[in-house]
Amino acid sequence: MKPYRYDDWRRLIGTPVEIRKDFGVVRTGLVDDAMEDSSALWIAADAGGGRTLFTAAEGFEVWIRPQELGGKLCFKMAAAQLCAPRR
């Protein structure tokens, strides 16, 4: 599936993402944590670098690439979770 920008960063904790700025990919990795208001998020440390903070105010965007998961309903459930309103 084609990647798309996702603005509710808090919902992405534990999800693999691309961090982009000025139309280019800056970093990829798993979201370790995010601010409730989606103003900032942290990408977990990995072989590509340490734990890193990215902020919306600095022009960073978060892009996700939906992927089909194993099992009959996993893909539908994952899509529904991303689109469901926050409580």
C-alpha atoms as a PDB file:
ATOM      1  CA  MET A   1       0.000   0.000   0.000  1.00  0.00           C
ATOM      2  CA  LYS A   2       0.989   3.562  -0.607  1.00  0.00           C
ATOM      3  CA  PRO A   3       2.313   5.529   2.404  1.00  0.00           C
ATOM      4  CA  TYR A   4       0.332   8.477   3.680  1.00  0.00           C
ATOM      5  CA  ARG A   5       0.781  11.267   6.196  1.00  0.00           C
ATOM      6  CA  TYR A   6      -0.779  10.640   9.593  1.00  0.00           C
ATOM      7  CA  ASP A   7      -1.359  13.513  11.999  1.00  0.00           C
ATOM      8  CA  ASP A   8      -2.576  11.819  15.205  1.00  0.00           C
ATOM      9  CA  TRP A   9       0.907  10.855  16.416  1.00  0.00           C
ATOM     10  CA  ARG A  10      -0.232   9.551  19.809  1.00  0.00           C
ATOM     11  CA  ARG A  11      -1.994   6.626  18.102  1.00  0.00           C
ATOM     12  CA  LEU A  12       1.261   5.512  16.469  1.00  0.00           C
ATOM     13  CA  ILE A  13       3.170   4.333  19.554  1.00  0.00           C
ATOM     14  CA  GLY A  14       4.795   1.008  18.634  1.00  0.00           C
ATOM     15  CA  THR A  15       4.186   1.510  14.913  1.00  0.00           C
ATOM     16  CA  PRO A  16       6.914   1.653  12.230  1.00  0.00           C
ATOM     17  CA  VAL A  17       6.872   5.089  10.568  1.00  0.00           C
ATOM     18  CA  GLU A  18       8.813   7.367   8.252  1.00  0.00           C
ATOM     19  CA  ILE A  19       9.763  10.840   9.514  1.00  0.00           C
ATOM     20  CA  ARG A  20       9.789  13.319   6.642  1.00  0.00           C
ATOM     21  CA  LYS A  21      10.753  16.946   6.240  1.00  0.00           C
ATOM     22  CA  ASP A  22      10.773  19.010   3.063  1.00  0.00           C
ATOM     23  CA  PHE A  23       9.548  16.029   1.001  1.00  0.00           C
ATOM     24  CA  GLY A  24      12.448  13.790   2.081  1.00  0.00           C
ATOM     25  CA  VAL A  25      12.709  10.886   4.503  1.00  0.00           C
ATOM     26  CA  VAL A  26      14.797  11.900   7.525  1.00  0.00           C
ATOM     27  CA  ARG A  27      14.489   8.701   9.573  1.00  0.00           C
ATOM     28  CA  THR A  28      12.499   5.500   9.810  1.00  0.00           C
ATOM     29  CA  GLY A  29      11.775   3.548  12.959  1.00  0.00           C
ATOM     30  CA  LEU A  30       9.301   2.636  15.679  1.00  0.00           C
ATOM     31  CA  VAL A  31       7.453   5.349  17.553  1.00  0.00           C
ATOM     32  CA  ASP A  32       8.570   5.050  21.169  1.00  0.00           C
ATOM     33  CA  ASP A  33       6.316   7.754  22.622  1.00  0.00           C
ATOM     34  CA  ALA A  34       4.361  10.829  21.548  1.00  0.00           C
ATOM     35  CA  MET A  35       2.839  13.920  23.095  1.00  0.00           C
ATOM     36  CA  GLU A  36      -0.928  13.825  23.603  1.00  0.00           C
ATOM     37  CA  ASP A  37      -1.393  16.840  21.297  1.00  0.00           C
ATOM     38  CA  SER A  38       0.796  15.356  18.506  1.00  0.00           C
ATOM     39  CA  SER A  39       3.310  18.187  18.850  1.00  0.00           C
ATOM     40  CA  ALA A  40       6.264  15.816  19.267  1.00  0.00           C
ATOM     41  CA  LEU A  41       7.235  12.166  19.121  1.00  0.00           C
ATOM     42  CA  TRP A  42      10.242   9.998  19.864  1.00  0.00           C
ATOM     43  CA  ILE A  43      11.624   7.357  17.555  1.00  0.00           C
ATOM     44  CA  ALA A  44      13.125   4.415  19.467  1.00  0.00           C
ATOM     45  CA  ALA A  45      16.862   3.807  19.390  1.00  0.00           C
ATOM     46  CA  ASP A  46      18.011   1.224  16.851  1.00  0.00           C
ATOM     47  CA  ALA A  47      21.066   0.380  14.770  1.00  0.00           C
ATOM     48  CA  GLY A  48      20.437   3.552  12.735  1.00  0.00           C
ATOM     49  CA  GLY A  49      20.656   5.915  15.695  1.00  0.00           C
ATOM     50  CA  GLY A  50      19.711   6.743  19.253  1.00  0.00           C
ATOM     51  CA  ARG A  51      16.296   7.703  20.570  1.00  0.00           C
ATOM     52  CA  THR A  52      15.366  10.882  18.706  1.00  0.00           C
ATOM     53  CA  LEU A  53      12.790  13.615  19.265  1.00  0.00           C
ATOM     54  CA  PHE A  54      10.925  15.110  16.292  1.00  0.00           C
ATOM     55  CA  THR A  55       8.512  18.056  16.561  1.00  0.00           C
ATOM     56  CA  ALA A  56       5.712  19.267  14.325  1.00  0.00           C
ATOM     57  CA  ALA A  57       6.806  22.881  14.938  1.00  0.00           C
ATOM     58  CA  GLU A  58      10.083  22.148  13.152  1.00  0.00           C
ATOM     59  CA  GLY A  59       8.182  20.906  10.098  1.00  0.00           C
ATOM     60  CA  PHE A  60       8.499  17.153  10.616  1.00  0.00           C
ATOM     61  CA  GLU A  61       5.725  14.926   9.284  1.00  0.00           C
ATOM     62  CA  VAL A  62       4.939  11.306  10.140  1.00  0.00           C
ATOM     63  CA  TRP A  63       4.061   8.905   7.341  1.00  0.00           C
ATOM     64  CA  ILE A  64       2.775   5.374   7.713  1.00  0.00           C
ATOM     65  CA  ARG A  65       2.532   2.500   5.282  1.00  0.00           C
ATOM     66  CA  PRO A  66      -0.395   0.214   6.127  1.00  0.00           C
ATOM     67  CA  GLN A  67       0.552  -3.442   5.891  1.00  0.00           C
ATOM     68  CA  GLU A  68      -1.563  -6.556   5.946  1.00  0.00           C
ATOM     69  CA  LEU A  69      -1.044  -8.567   9.111  1.00  0.00           C
ATOM     70  CA  GLY A  70      -1.476 -12.290   9.633  1.00  0.00           C
ATOM     71  CA  GLY A  71      -4.954 -13.690  10.303  1.00  0.00           C
ATOM     72  CA  LYS A  72      -8.348 -13.100   8.723  1.00  0.00           C
ATOM     73  CA  LEU A  73      -9.357  -9.855  10.423  1.00  0.00           C
ATOM     74  CA  CYS A  74      -6.067  -8.281  11.451  1.00  0.00           C
ATOM     75  CA  PHE A  75      -5.889  -5.886   8.518  1.00  0.00           C
ATOM     76  CA  LYS A  76      -9.442  -4.622   9.001  1.00  0.00           C
ATOM     77  CA  MET A  77      -8.958  -4.285  12.734  1.00  0.00           C
ATOM     78  CA  ALA A  78      -5.704  -2.360  12.357  1.00  0.00           C
ATOM     79  CA  ALA A  79      -7.306   0.039   9.853  1.00  0.00           C
ATOM     80  CA  ALA A  80     -10.289   0.534  12.153  1.00  0.00           C
ATOM     81  CA  GLN A  81      -8.016   1.288  15.112  1.00  0.00           C
ATOM     82  CA  LEU A  82      -6.157   3.996  13.181  1.00  0.00           C
ATOM     83  CA  CYS A  83      -9.389   5.652  12.058  1.00  0.00           C
ATOM     84  CA  ALA A  84     -11.364   5.294  15.284  1.00  0.00           C
ATOM     85  CA  PRO A  85     -12.001   8.475  17.294  1.00  0.00           C
ATOM     86  CA  ARG A  86      -9.859   8.896  20.400  1.00  0.00           C
ATOM     87  CA  ARG A  87     -11.480   8.447  23.789  1.00  0.00           C
END
